[in-house]
Amino acid sequence: MNIDLLRQKLTHAARLRTEDDSVPYAFEQRIMGSVRAGNLFRSHARVEWGAGLWRAAISCAAFAAILGAFSLWFPGESAVVEDFGVALENAILPTADEALEVL
Protein backbone atom coordinates (compact mmCIF):
# COMPACT_ATOMS: atom_id res chain seq x y z
CA MET A 1 0.00 0.00 0.00
CA ASN A 2 1.34 3.38 -0.96
CA ILE A 3 1.05 5.55 2.15
CA ASP A 4 1.73 8.82 0.31
CA LEU A 5 -1.10 8.13 -2.15
CA LEU A 6 -3.44 7.26 0.71
CA ARG A 7 -2.50 10.46 2.55
CA GLN A 8 -3.17 12.51 -0.59
CA LYS A 9 -6.58 10.89 -1.11
CA LEU A 10 -7.59 11.45 2.51
CA THR A 11 -6.42 15.07 2.42
CA HIS A 12 -8.34 15.67 -0.82
CA ALA A 13 -11.51 14.08 0.64
CA ALA A 14 -11.21 16.20 3.79
CA ARG A 15 -10.85 19.40 1.77
CA LEU A 16 -13.94 18.61 -0.29
CA ARG A 17 -16.06 18.29 2.81
CA THR A 18 -17.84 21.46 3.92
CA GLU A 19 -17.73 22.81 7.45
CA ASP A 20 -20.52 21.73 9.73
CA ASP A 21 -22.04 24.43 11.94
CA SER A 22 -23.73 21.97 14.29
CA VAL A 23 -20.63 21.73 16.52
CA PRO A 24 -20.80 24.26 19.36
CA TYR A 25 -18.37 27.16 19.46
CA ALA A 26 -15.02 26.36 21.16
CA PHE A 27 -16.00 22.73 21.68
CA GLU A 28 -12.53 21.48 20.82
CA GLN A 29 -10.85 23.91 23.23
CA ARG A 30 -13.09 22.78 26.10
CA ILE A 31 -12.41 19.09 25.45
CA MET A 32 -8.66 19.61 25.09
CA GLY A 33 -8.65 21.67 28.30
CA SER A 34 -10.31 18.79 30.14
CA VAL A 35 -7.81 16.33 28.69
CA ARG A 36 -4.87 18.51 29.72
CA ALA A 37 -6.30 18.92 33.23
CA GLY A 38 -6.61 15.14 33.46
CA ASN A 39 -10.13 15.08 34.84
CA LEU A 40 -11.92 13.77 31.77
CA PHE A 41 -14.13 10.77 32.66
CA ARG A 42 -12.09 10.00 35.76
CA SER A 43 -14.89 10.14 38.34
CA HIS A 44 -17.47 8.57 36.02
CA ALA A 45 -15.30 5.52 35.39
CA ARG A 46 -14.92 4.82 39.11
CA VAL A 47 -18.66 5.04 39.68
CA GLU A 48 -19.45 2.77 36.74
CA TRP A 49 -16.83 0.19 37.71
CA GLY A 50 -18.01 0.23 41.32
CA ALA A 51 -21.64 -0.27 40.34
CA GLY A 52 -20.74 -3.11 37.99
CA LEU A 53 -18.61 -4.87 40.59
CA TRP A 54 -21.35 -4.59 43.22
CA ARG A 55 -23.87 -6.06 40.77
CA ALA A 56 -21.48 -8.93 40.07
CA ALA A 57 -20.90 -9.55 43.79
CA ILE A 58 -24.63 -9.60 44.52
CA SER A 59 -25.34 -11.99 41.65
CA CYS A 60 -22.51 -14.32 42.77
CA ALA A 61 -23.82 -14.35 46.35
CA ALA A 62 -27.35 -15.10 45.11
CA PHE A 63 -26.05 -17.93 42.92
CA ALA A 64 -24.10 -19.41 45.84
CA ALA A 65 -27.18 -19.21 48.08
CA ILE A 66 -29.33 -20.97 45.48
CA LEU A 67 -26.77 -23.76 45.03
CA GLY A 68 -26.42 -24.14 48.80
CA ALA A 69 -30.18 -24.41 49.26
CA PHE A 70 -30.38 -26.93 46.41
CA SER A 71 -27.69 -29.10 47.99
CA LEU A 72 -29.50 -29.02 51.36
CA TRP A 73 -32.94 -29.87 49.95
CA PHE A 74 -31.70 -32.58 47.57
CA PRO A 75 -28.73 -34.18 49.29
CA GLY A 76 -28.54 -37.23 47.01
CA GLU A 77 -27.13 -40.57 48.00
CA SER A 78 -24.10 -40.58 50.24
CA ALA A 79 -21.18 -42.09 48.41
CA VAL A 80 -18.53 -44.08 50.16
CA VAL A 81 -15.44 -41.92 50.16
CA GLU A 82 -12.36 -43.96 49.50
CA ASP A 83 -8.94 -42.90 50.65
CA PHE A 84 -7.32 -40.85 47.90
CA GLY A 85 -4.07 -42.78 48.09
CA VAL A 86 -5.84 -46.10 47.62
CA ALA A 87 -7.90 -44.75 44.71
CA LEU A 88 -4.78 -43.36 43.03
CA GLU A 89 -2.91 -46.62 43.50
CA ASN A 90 -5.82 -48.61 42.05
CA ALA A 91 -5.96 -46.30 39.04
CA ILE A 92 -2.24 -46.14 38.23
CA LEU A 93 -0.81 -49.54 39.10
CA PRO A 94 -2.93 -51.66 36.73
CA THR A 95 -1.95 -49.36 33.88
CA ALA A 96 1.72 -49.58 34.85
CA ASP A 97 1.50 -53.38 35.08
CA GLU A 98 0.02 -53.52 31.57
CA ALA A 99 2.81 -51.34 30.24
CA LEU A 100 5.44 -53.61 31.79
CA GLU A 101 3.82 -56.69 30.26
CA VAL A 102 4.09 -55.14 26.80
CA LEU A 103 7.84 -54.61 27.22
PDB file of N, CA and C in Angstrom:
ATOM      1  N   MET A   1       0.841  -1.164   0.000  1.00  0.00           N
ATOM      2  CA  MET A   1       0.000   0.000   0.000  1.00  0.00           C
ATOM      3  C   MET A   1       0.893   1.236   0.000  1.00  0.00           C
ATOM      4  N   ASN A   2       0.586   2.146  -0.846  1.00  0.00           N
ATOM      5  CA  ASN A   2       1.341   3.384  -0.961  1.00  0.00           C
ATOM      6  C   ASN A   2       0.782   4.384   0.052  1.00  0.00           C
ATOM      7  N   ILE A   3       1.533   4.689   1.072  1.00  0.00           N
ATOM      8  CA  ILE A   3       1.052   5.551   2.153  1.00  0.00           C
ATOM      9  C   ILE A   3       0.922   6.990   1.672  1.00  0.00           C
ATOM     10  N   ASP A   4       1.820   7.442   0.815  1.00  0.00           N
ATOM     11  CA  ASP A   4       1.728   8.820   0.311  1.00  0.00           C
ATOM     12  C   ASP A   4       0.468   9.023  -0.518  1.00  0.00           C
ATOM     13  N   LEU A   5       0.118   8.039  -1.355  1.00  0.00           N
ATOM     14  CA  LEU A   5      -1.097   8.135  -2.154  1.00  0.00           C
ATOM     15  C   LEU A   5      -2.331   8.140  -1.256  1.00  0.00           C
ATOM     16  N   LEU A   6      -2.325   7.304  -0.236  1.00  0.00           N
ATOM     17  CA  LEU A   6      -3.443   7.262   0.709  1.00  0.00           C
ATOM     18  C   LEU A   6      -3.584   8.591   1.438  1.00  0.00           C
ATOM     19  N   ARG A   7      -2.470   9.166   1.867  1.00  0.00           N
ATOM     20  CA  ARG A   7      -2.496  10.463   2.554  1.00  0.00           C
ATOM     21  C   ARG A   7      -3.052  11.543   1.623  1.00  0.00           C
ATOM     22  N   GLN A   8      -2.671  11.523   0.360  1.00  0.00           N
ATOM     23  CA  GLN A   8      -3.174  12.515  -0.587  1.00  0.00           C
ATOM     24  C   GLN A   8      -4.681  12.366  -0.794  1.00  0.00           C
ATOM     25  N   LYS A   9      -5.145  11.119  -0.912  1.00  0.00           N
ATOM     26  CA  LYS A   9      -6.577  10.889  -1.108  1.00  0.00           C
ATOM     27  C   LYS A   9      -7.377  11.350   0.110  1.00  0.00           C
ATOM     28  N   LEU A  10      -6.876  11.046   1.300  1.00  0.00           N
ATOM     29  CA  LEU A  10      -7.586  11.452   2.511  1.00  0.00           C
ATOM     30  C   LEU A  10      -7.593  12.972   2.665  1.00  0.00           C
ATOM     31  N   THR A  11      -6.489  13.609   2.346  1.00  0.00           N
ATOM     32  CA  THR A  11      -6.423  15.070   2.416  1.00  0.00           C
ATOM     33  C   THR A  11      -7.378  15.696   1.415  1.00  0.00           C
ATOM     34  N   HIS A  12      -7.434  15.156   0.210  1.00  0.00           N
ATOM     35  CA  HIS A  12      -8.343  15.666  -0.816  1.00  0.00           C
ATOM     36  C   HIS A  12      -9.798  15.488  -0.380  1.00  0.00           C
ATOM     37  N   ALA A  13     -10.145  14.324   0.182  1.00  0.00           N
ATOM     38  CA  ALA A  13     -11.511  14.077   0.642  1.00  0.00           C
ATOM     39  C   ALA A  13     -11.871  15.010   1.794  1.00  0.00           C
ATOM     40  N   ALA A  14     -10.937  15.300   2.669  1.00  0.00           N
ATOM     41  CA  ALA A  14     -11.212  16.195   3.792  1.00  0.00           C
ATOM     42  C   ALA A  14     -11.417  17.626   3.314  1.00  0.00           C
ATOM     43  N   ARG A  15     -10.697  18.037   2.288  1.00  0.00           N
ATOM     44  CA  ARG A  15     -10.851  19.402   1.767  1.00  0.00           C
ATOM     45  C   ARG A  15     -12.161  19.577   1.017  1.00  0.00           C
ATOM     46  N   LEU A  16     -12.667  18.522   0.426  1.00  0.00           N
ATOM     47  CA  LEU A  16     -13.942  18.612  -0.292  1.00  0.00           C
ATOM     48  C   LEU A  16     -15.134  18.728   0.652  1.00  0.00           C
ATOM     49  N   ARG A  17     -14.968  18.281   1.842  1.00  0.00           N
ATOM     50  CA  ARG A  17     -16.059  18.294   2.808  1.00  0.00           C
ATOM     51  C   ARG A  17     -16.278  19.712   3.335  1.00  0.00           C
ATOM     52  N   THR A  18     -17.539  20.117   3.433  1.00  0.00           N
ATOM     53  CA  THR A  18     -17.842  21.463   3.923  1.00  0.00           C
ATOM     54  C   THR A  18     -17.870  21.472   5.443  1.00  0.00           C
ATOM     55  N   GLU A  19     -17.702  22.678   6.002  1.00  0.00           N
ATOM     56  CA  GLU A  19     -17.728  22.809   7.450  1.00  0.00           C
ATOM     57  C   GLU A  19     -19.138  22.604   7.971  1.00  0.00           C
ATOM     58  N   ASP A  20     -19.224  21.981   9.115  1.00  0.00           N
ATOM     59  CA  ASP A  20     -20.523  21.726   9.735  1.00  0.00           C
ATOM     60  C   ASP A  20     -20.701  22.698  10.896  1.00  0.00           C
ATOM     61  N   ASP A  21     -21.797  23.439  10.891  1.00  0.00           N
ATOM     62  CA  ASP A  21     -22.036  24.426  11.936  1.00  0.00           C
ATOM     63  C   ASP A  21     -22.747  23.841  13.152  1.00  0.00           C
ATOM     64  N   SER A  22     -22.994  22.552  13.169  1.00  0.00           N
ATOM     65  CA  SER A  22     -23.727  21.967  14.294  1.00  0.00           C
ATOM     66  C   SER A  22     -22.836  21.768  15.524  1.00  0.00           C
ATOM     67  N   VAL A  23     -21.542  21.861  15.381  1.00  0.00           N
ATOM     68  CA  VAL A  23     -20.626  21.729  16.517  1.00  0.00           C
ATOM     69  C   VAL A  23     -20.618  23.055  17.276  1.00  0.00           C
ATOM     70  N   PRO A  24     -20.774  23.015  18.599  1.00  0.00           N
ATOM     71  CA  PRO A  24     -20.799  24.264  19.364  1.00  0.00           C
ATOM     72  C   PRO A  24     -19.465  25.007  19.283  1.00  0.00           C
ATOM     73  N   TYR A  25     -19.546  26.301  19.511  1.00  0.00           N
ATOM     74  CA  TYR A  25     -18.372  27.157  19.457  1.00  0.00           C
ATOM     75  C   TYR A  25     -17.389  26.769  20.558  1.00  0.00           C
ATOM     76  N   ALA A  26     -16.126  26.666  20.245  1.00  0.00           N
ATOM     77  CA  ALA A  26     -15.025  26.361  21.164  1.00  0.00           C
ATOM     78  C   ALA A  26     -15.172  24.983  21.815  1.00  0.00           C
ATOM     79  N   PHE A  27     -15.828  24.083  21.131  1.00  0.00           N
ATOM     80  CA  PHE A  27     -15.995  22.728  21.676  1.00  0.00           C
ATOM     81  C   PHE A  27     -14.651  22.024  21.816  1.00  0.00           C
ATOM     82  N   GLU A  28     -13.828  22.137  20.802  1.00  0.00           N
ATOM     83  CA  GLU A  28     -12.529  21.475  20.816  1.00  0.00           C
ATOM     84  C   GLU A  28     -11.647  22.006  21.942  1.00  0.00           C
ATOM     85  N   GLN A  29     -11.671  23.319  22.169  1.00  0.00           N
ATOM     86  CA  GLN A  29     -10.848  23.906  23.228  1.00  0.00           C
ATOM     87  C   GLN A  29     -11.304  23.421  24.606  1.00  0.00           C
ATOM     88  N   ARG A  30     -12.602  23.272  24.801  1.00  0.00           N
ATOM     89  CA  ARG A  30     -13.094  22.779  26.097  1.00  0.00           C
ATOM     90  C   ARG A  30     -12.678  21.333  26.335  1.00  0.00           C
ATOM     91  N   ILE A  31     -12.785  20.500  25.295  1.00  0.00           N
ATOM     92  CA  ILE A  31     -12.406  19.087  25.448  1.00  0.00           C
ATOM     93  C   ILE A  31     -10.901  18.975  25.681  1.00  0.00           C
ATOM     94  N   MET A  32     -10.108  19.687  24.918  1.00  0.00           N
ATOM     95  CA  MET A  32      -8.656  19.612  25.086  1.00  0.00           C
ATOM     96  C   MET A  32      -8.232  20.160  26.446  1.00  0.00           C
ATOM     97  N   GLY A  33      -8.931  21.164  26.957  1.00  0.00           N
ATOM     98  CA  GLY A  33      -8.649  21.670  28.297  1.00  0.00           C
ATOM     99  C   GLY A  33      -8.929  20.623  29.359  1.00  0.00           C
ATOM    100  N   SER A  34     -10.002  19.875  29.184  1.00  0.00           N
ATOM    101  CA  SER A  34     -10.311  18.795  30.137  1.00  0.00           C
ATOM    102  C   SER A  34      -9.279  17.683  30.067  1.00  0.00           C
ATOM    103  N   VAL A  35      -8.823  17.378  28.845  1.00  0.00           N
ATOM    104  CA  VAL A  35      -7.815  16.332  28.689  1.00  0.00           C
ATOM    105  C   VAL A  35      -6.503  16.768  29.333  1.00  0.00           C
ATOM    106  N   ARG A  36      -6.110  18.012  29.120  1.00  0.00           N
ATOM    107  CA  ARG A  36      -4.870  18.511  29.720  1.00  0.00           C
ATOM    108  C   ARG A  36      -4.954  18.535  31.239  1.00  0.00           C
ATOM    109  N   ALA A  37      -6.134  18.870  31.769  1.00  0.00           N
ATOM    110  CA  ALA A  37      -6.297  18.918  33.225  1.00  0.00           C
ATOM    111  C   ALA A  37      -6.315  17.512  33.818  1.00  0.00           C
ATOM    112  N   GLY A  38      -6.634  16.522  32.995  1.00  0.00           N
ATOM    113  CA  GLY A  38      -6.606  15.139  33.455  1.00  0.00           C
ATOM    114  C   GLY A  38      -7.858  14.702  34.182  1.00  0.00           C
ATOM    115  N   ASN A  39      -8.932  15.471  34.115  1.00  0.00           N
ATOM    116  CA  ASN A  39     -10.134  15.084  34.838  1.00  0.00           C
ATOM    117  C   ASN A  39     -11.247  14.612  33.910  1.00  0.00           C
ATOM    118  N   LEU A  40     -10.922  14.222  32.728  1.00  0.00           N
ATOM    119  CA  LEU A  40     -11.920  13.774  31.772  1.00  0.00           C
ATOM    120  C   LEU A  40     -12.314  12.334  32.066  1.00  0.00           C
ATOM    121  N   PHE A  41     -13.533  12.092  32.406  1.00  0.00           N
ATOM    122  CA  PHE A  41     -14.126  10.773  32.656  1.00  0.00           C
ATOM    123  C   PHE A  41     -13.520  10.051  33.848  1.00  0.00           C
ATOM    124  N   ARG A  42     -12.734  10.702  34.658  1.00  0.00           N
ATOM    125  CA  ARG A  42     -12.094  10.003  35.765  1.00  0.00           C
ATOM    126  C   ARG A  42     -13.106   9.582  36.821  1.00  0.00           C
ATOM    127  N   SER A  43     -13.956  10.480  37.272  1.00  0.00           N
ATOM    128  CA  SER A  43     -14.893  10.141  38.338  1.00  0.00           C
ATOM    129  C   SER A  43     -16.003   9.230  37.831  1.00  0.00           C
ATOM    130  N   HIS A  44     -16.401   9.401  36.564  1.00  0.00           N
ATOM    131  CA  HIS A  44     -17.473   8.570  36.025  1.00  0.00           C
ATOM    132  C   HIS A  44     -17.034   7.114  35.907  1.00  0.00           C
ATOM    133  N   ALA A  45     -15.794   6.887  35.552  1.00  0.00           N
ATOM    134  CA  ALA A  45     -15.303   5.516  35.394  1.00  0.00           C
ATOM    135  C   ALA A  45     -15.301   4.788  36.731  1.00  0.00           C
ATOM    136  N   ARG A  46     -14.922   5.460  37.792  1.00  0.00           N
ATOM    137  CA  ARG A  46     -14.922   4.824  39.106  1.00  0.00           C
ATOM    138  C   ARG A  46     -16.322   4.441  39.535  1.00  0.00           C
ATOM    139  N   VAL A  47     -17.272   5.314  39.297  1.00  0.00           N
ATOM    140  CA  VAL A  47     -18.657   5.036  39.682  1.00  0.00           C
ATOM    141  C   VAL A  47     -19.208   3.864  38.881  1.00  0.00           C
ATOM    142  N   GLU A  48     -18.948   3.857  37.585  1.00  0.00           N
ATOM    143  CA  GLU A  48     -19.453   2.773  36.741  1.00  0.00           C
ATOM    144  C   GLU A  48     -18.813   1.435  37.101  1.00  0.00           C
ATOM    145  N   TRP A  49     -17.501   1.429  37.320  1.00  0.00           N
ATOM    146  CA  TRP A  49     -16.831   0.187  37.709  1.00  0.00           C
ATOM    147  C   TRP A  49     -17.342  -0.296  39.059  1.00  0.00           C
ATOM    148  N   GLY A  50     -17.519   0.606  39.998  1.00  0.00           N
ATOM    149  CA  GLY A  50     -18.008   0.227  41.318  1.00  0.00           C
ATOM    150  C   GLY A  50     -19.398  -0.369  41.259  1.00  0.00           C
ATOM    151  N   ALA A  51     -20.280   0.253  40.476  1.00  0.00           N
ATOM    152  CA  ALA A  51     -21.639  -0.274  40.343  1.00  0.00           C
ATOM    153  C   ALA A  51     -21.632  -1.650  39.685  1.00  0.00           C
ATOM    154  N   GLY A  52     -20.817  -1.807  38.669  1.00  0.00           N
ATOM    155  CA  GLY A  52     -20.735  -3.106  37.986  1.00  0.00           C
ATOM    156  C   GLY A  52     -20.202  -4.195  38.894  1.00  0.00           C
ATOM    157  N   LEU A  53     -19.177  -3.871  39.681  1.00  0.00           N
ATOM    158  CA  LEU A  53     -18.611  -4.874  40.587  1.00  0.00           C
ATOM    159  C   LEU A  53     -19.589  -5.238  41.702  1.00  0.00           C
ATOM    160  N   TRP A  54     -20.351  -4.257  42.197  1.00  0.00           N
ATOM    161  CA  TRP A  54     -21.352  -4.586  43.216  1.00  0.00           C
ATOM    162  C   TRP A  54     -22.445  -5.473  42.637  1.00  0.00           C
ATOM    163  N   ARG A  55     -22.865  -5.191  41.397  1.00  0.00           N
ATOM    164  CA  ARG A  55     -23.873  -6.061  40.775  1.00  0.00           C
ATOM    165  C   ARG A  55     -23.337  -7.476  40.612  1.00  0.00           C
ATOM    166  N   ALA A  56     -22.085  -7.603  40.241  1.00  0.00           N
ATOM    167  CA  ALA A  56     -21.484  -8.930  40.074  1.00  0.00           C
ATOM    168  C   ALA A  56     -21.385  -9.645  41.421  1.00  0.00           C
ATOM    169  N   ALA A  57     -21.018  -8.921  42.472  1.00  0.00           N
ATOM    170  CA  ALA A  57     -20.903  -9.546  43.792  1.00  0.00           C
ATOM    171  C   ALA A  57     -22.261 -10.013  44.292  1.00  0.00           C
ATOM    172  N   ILE A  58     -23.287  -9.214  44.069  1.00  0.00           N
ATOM    173  CA  ILE A  58     -24.634  -9.598  44.515  1.00  0.00           C
ATOM    174  C   ILE A  58     -25.122 -10.808  43.738  1.00  0.00           C
ATOM    175  N   SER A  59     -24.885 -10.840  42.434  1.00  0.00           N
ATOM    176  CA  SER A  59     -25.338 -11.992  41.650  1.00  0.00           C
ATOM    177  C   SER A  59     -24.575 -13.254  42.029  1.00  0.00           C
ATOM    178  N   CYS A  60     -23.279 -13.148  42.336  1.00  0.00           N
ATOM    179  CA  CYS A  60     -22.508 -14.320  42.769  1.00  0.00           C
ATOM    180  C   CYS A  60     -22.997 -14.836  44.119  1.00  0.00           C
ATOM    181  N   ALA A  61     -23.314 -13.927  45.034  1.00  0.00           N
ATOM    182  CA  ALA A  61     -23.820 -14.347  46.345  1.00  0.00           C
ATOM    183  C   ALA A  61     -25.181 -15.015  46.201  1.00  0.00           C
ATOM    184  N   ALA A  62     -26.038 -14.491  45.333  1.00  0.00           N
ATOM    185  CA  ALA A  62     -27.348 -15.104  45.112  1.00  0.00           C
ATOM    186  C   ALA A  62     -27.192 -16.493  44.493  1.00  0.00           C
ATOM    187  N   PHE A  63     -26.286 -16.632  43.552  1.00  0.00           N
ATOM    188  CA  PHE A  63     -26.050 -17.932  42.922  1.00  0.00           C
ATOM    189  C   PHE A  63     -25.525 -18.945  43.937  1.00  0.00           C
ATOM    190  N   ALA A  64     -24.622 -18.516  44.806  1.00  0.00           N
ATOM    191  CA  ALA A  64     -24.098 -19.414  45.842  1.00  0.00           C
ATOM    192  C   ALA A  64     -25.196 -19.814  46.820  1.00  0.00           C
ATOM    193  N   ALA A  65     -26.077 -18.888  47.167  1.00  0.00           N
ATOM    194  CA  ALA A  65     -27.181 -19.211  48.080  1.00  0.00           C
ATOM    195  C   ALA A  65     -28.143 -20.212  47.448  1.00  0.00           C
ATOM    196  N   ILE A  66     -28.432 -20.040  46.173  1.00  0.00           N
ATOM    197  CA  ILE A  66     -29.329 -20.972  45.480  1.00  0.00           C
ATOM    198  C   ILE A  66     -28.710 -22.360  45.412  1.00  0.00           C
ATOM    199  N   LEU A  67     -27.429 -22.451  45.082  1.00  0.00           N
ATOM    200  CA  LEU A  67     -26.775 -23.762  45.028  1.00  0.00           C
ATOM    201  C   LEU A  67     -26.686 -24.400  46.410  1.00  0.00           C
ATOM    202  N   GLY A  68     -26.452 -23.597  47.447  1.00  0.00           N
ATOM    203  CA  GLY A  68     -26.420 -24.135  48.801  1.00  0.00           C
ATOM    204  C   GLY A  68     -27.769 -24.671  49.228  1.00  0.00           C
ATOM    205  N   ALA A  69     -28.830 -23.941  48.923  1.00  0.00           N
ATOM    206  CA  ALA A  69     -30.181 -24.411  49.256  1.00  0.00           C
ATOM    207  C   ALA A  69     -30.509 -25.677  48.477  1.00  0.00           C
ATOM    208  N   PHE A  70     -30.128 -25.730  47.219  1.00  0.00           N
ATOM    209  CA  PHE A  70     -30.380 -26.926  46.412  1.00  0.00           C
ATOM    210  C   PHE A  70     -29.665 -28.141  46.991  1.00  0.00           C
ATOM    211  N   SER A  71     -28.435 -27.959  47.436  1.00  0.00           N
ATOM    212  CA  SER A  71     -27.691 -29.098  47.987  1.00  0.00           C
ATOM    213  C   SER A  71     -28.254 -29.536  49.331  1.00  0.00           C
ATOM    214  N   LEU A  72     -28.867 -28.629  50.094  1.00  0.00           N
ATOM    215  CA  LEU A  72     -29.496 -29.016  51.358  1.00  0.00           C
ATOM    216  C   LEU A  72     -30.827 -29.726  51.144  1.00  0.00           C
ATOM    217  N   TRP A  73     -31.626 -29.272  50.184  1.00  0.00           N
ATOM    218  CA  TRP A  73     -32.938 -29.871  49.951  1.00  0.00           C
ATOM    219  C   TRP A  73     -32.847 -31.190  49.200  1.00  0.00           C
ATOM    220  N   PHE A  74     -31.874 -31.351  48.339  1.00  0.00           N
ATOM    221  CA  PHE A  74     -31.704 -32.577  47.566  1.00  0.00           C
ATOM    222  C   PHE A  74     -30.297 -33.118  47.813  1.00  0.00           C
ATOM    223  N   PRO A  75     -30.088 -33.774  48.957  1.00  0.00           N
ATOM    224  CA  PRO A  75     -28.725 -34.176  49.295  1.00  0.00           C
ATOM    225  C   PRO A  75     -28.177 -35.297  48.418  1.00  0.00           C
ATOM    226  N   GLY A  76     -29.028 -36.123  47.826  1.00  0.00           N
ATOM    227  CA  GLY A  76     -28.544 -37.229  47.012  1.00  0.00           C
ATOM    228  C   GLY A  76     -28.084 -38.383  47.889  1.00  0.00           C
ATOM    229  N   GLU A  77     -27.600 -39.409  47.252  1.00  0.00           N
ATOM    230  CA  GLU A  77     -27.130 -40.566  47.999  1.00  0.00           C
ATOM    231  C   GLU A  77     -25.715 -40.316  48.491  1.00  0.00           C
ATOM    232  N   SER A  78     -25.445 -40.777  49.704  1.00  0.00           N
ATOM    233  CA  SER A  78     -24.101 -40.583  50.237  1.00  0.00           C
ATOM    234  C   SER A  78     -23.176 -41.635  49.624  1.00  0.00           C
ATOM    235  N   ALA A  79     -22.148 -41.193  49.041  1.00  0.00           N
ATOM    236  CA  ALA A  79     -21.181 -42.089  48.406  1.00  0.00           C
ATOM    237  C   ALA A  79     -20.102 -42.449  49.418  1.00  0.00           C
ATOM    238  N   VAL A  80     -19.605 -43.646  49.298  1.00  0.00           N
ATOM    239  CA  VAL A  80     -18.525 -44.079  50.164  1.00  0.00           C
ATOM    240  C   VAL A  80     -17.250 -43.401  49.663  1.00  0.00           C
ATOM    241  N   VAL A  81     -16.639 -42.640  50.543  1.00  0.00           N
ATOM    242  CA  VAL A  81     -15.440 -41.918  50.164  1.00  0.00           C
ATOM    243  C   VAL A  81     -14.236 -42.804  50.443  1.00  0.00           C
ATOM    244  N   GLU A  82     -13.526 -43.106  49.386  1.00  0.00           N
ATOM    245  CA  GLU A  82     -12.360 -43.964  49.504  1.00  0.00           C
ATOM    246  C   GLU A  82     -11.140 -43.088  49.766  1.00  0.00           C
ATOM    247  N   ASP A  83     -10.173 -43.642  50.419  1.00  0.00           N
ATOM    248  CA  ASP A  83      -8.941 -42.898  50.653  1.00  0.00           C
ATOM    249  C   ASP A  83      -8.315 -42.555  49.303  1.00  0.00           C
ATOM    250  N   PHE A  84      -7.856 -41.316  49.178  1.00  0.00           N
ATOM    251  CA  PHE A  84      -7.325 -40.851  47.901  1.00  0.00           C
ATOM    252  C   PHE A  84      -6.099 -41.655  47.478  1.00  0.00           C
ATOM    253  N   GLY A  85      -5.263 -42.003  48.414  1.00  0.00           N
ATOM    254  CA  GLY A  85      -4.072 -42.778  48.086  1.00  0.00           C
ATOM    255  C   GLY A  85      -4.417 -44.141  47.521  1.00  0.00           C
ATOM    256  N   VAL A  86      -5.420 -44.781  48.105  1.00  0.00           N
ATOM    257  CA  VAL A  86      -5.842 -46.098  47.621  1.00  0.00           C
ATOM    258  C   VAL A  86      -6.454 -45.970  46.226  1.00  0.00           C
ATOM    259  N   ALA A  87      -7.274 -44.940  46.019  1.00  0.00           N
ATOM    260  CA  ALA A  87      -7.895 -44.746  44.713  1.00  0.00           C
ATOM    261  C   ALA A  87      -6.835 -44.469  43.650  1.00  0.00           C
ATOM    262  N   LEU A  88      -5.844 -43.666  43.985  1.00  0.00           N
ATOM    263  CA  LEU A  88      -4.776 -43.364  43.034  1.00  0.00           C
ATOM    264  C   LEU A  88      -3.971 -44.612  42.701  1.00  0.00           C
ATOM    265  N   GLU A  89      -3.678 -45.387  43.718  1.00  0.00           N
ATOM    266  CA  GLU A  89      -2.915 -46.622  43.498  1.00  0.00           C
ATOM    267  C   GLU A  89      -3.691 -47.596  42.630  1.00  0.00           C
ATOM    268  N   ASN A  90      -4.997 -47.716  42.858  1.00  0.00           N
ATOM    269  CA  ASN A  90      -5.823 -48.615  42.047  1.00  0.00           C
ATOM    270  C   ASN A  90      -5.946 -48.124  40.607  1.00  0.00           C
ATOM    271  N   ALA A  91      -5.842 -46.830  40.396  1.00  0.00           N
ATOM    272  CA  ALA A  91      -5.962 -46.296  39.041  1.00  0.00           C
ATOM    273  C   ALA A  91      -4.652 -46.398  38.268  1.00  0.00           C
ATOM    274  N   ILE A  92      -3.523 -46.206  38.937  1.00  0.00           N
ATOM    275  CA  ILE A  92      -2.242 -46.136  38.226  1.00  0.00           C
ATOM    276  C   ILE A  92      -1.563 -47.491  38.090  1.00  0.00           C
ATOM    277  N   LEU A  93      -1.562 -48.287  39.133  1.00  0.00           N
ATOM    278  CA  LEU A  93      -0.806 -49.536  39.102  1.00  0.00           C
ATOM    279  C   LEU A  93      -1.267 -50.527  38.033  1.00  0.00           C
ATOM    280  N   PRO A  94      -2.573 -50.737  37.821  1.00  0.00           N
ATOM    281  CA  PRO A  94      -2.931 -51.663  36.727  1.00  0.00           C
ATOM    282  C   PRO A  94      -2.436 -51.184  35.369  1.00  0.00           C
ATOM    283  N   THR A  95      -2.441 -49.896  35.142  1.00  0.00           N
ATOM    284  CA  THR A  95      -1.948 -49.365  33.876  1.00  0.00           C
ATOM    285  C   THR A  95      -0.442 -49.562  33.762  1.00  0.00           C
ATOM    286  N   ALA A  96       0.283 -49.380  34.861  1.00  0.00           N
ATOM    287  CA  ALA A  96       1.720 -49.583  34.846  1.00  0.00           C
ATOM    288  C   ALA A  96       2.059 -51.054  34.643  1.00  0.00           C
ATOM    289  N   ASP A  97       1.278 -51.938  35.267  1.00  0.00           N
ATOM    290  CA  ASP A  97       1.501 -53.382  35.080  1.00  0.00           C
ATOM    291  C   ASP A  97       1.282 -53.787  33.612  1.00  0.00           C
ATOM    292  N   GLU A  98       0.262 -53.218  32.987  1.00  0.00           N
ATOM    293  CA  GLU A  98       0.016 -53.524  31.571  1.00  0.00           C
ATOM    294  C   GLU A  98       1.153 -53.030  30.705  1.00  0.00           C
ATOM    295  N   ALA A  99       1.701 -51.883  31.026  1.00  0.00           N
ATOM    296  CA  ALA A  99       2.806 -51.337  30.242  1.00  0.00           C
ATOM    297  C   ALA A  99       4.056 -52.204  30.387  1.00  0.00           C
ATOM    298  N   LEU A 100       4.271 -52.735  31.582  1.00  0.00           N
ATOM    299  CA  LEU A 100       5.439 -53.609  31.787  1.00  0.00           C
ATOM    300  C   LEU A 100       5.277 -54.935  31.061  1.00  0.00           C
ATOM    301  N   GLU A 101       4.042 -55.427  30.966  1.00  0.00           N
ATOM    302  CA  GLU A 101       3.821 -56.688  30.256  1.00  0.00           C
ATOM    303  C   GLU A 101       4.109 -56.543  28.765  1.00  0.00           C
ATOM    304  N   VAL A 102       3.858 -55.370  28.224  1.00  0.00           N
ATOM    305  CA  VAL A 102       4.090 -55.135  26.803  1.00  0.00           C
ATOM    306  C   VAL A 102       5.591 -55.153  26.515  1.00  0.00           C
ATOM    307  N   LEU A 103       6.393 -54.645  27.442  1.00  0.00           N
ATOM    308  CA  LEU A 103       7.836 -54.614  27.225  1.00  0.00           C
ATOM    309  C   LEU A 103       8.375 -55.992  27.337  1.00  0.00           C
TER     310      LEU A 103
END
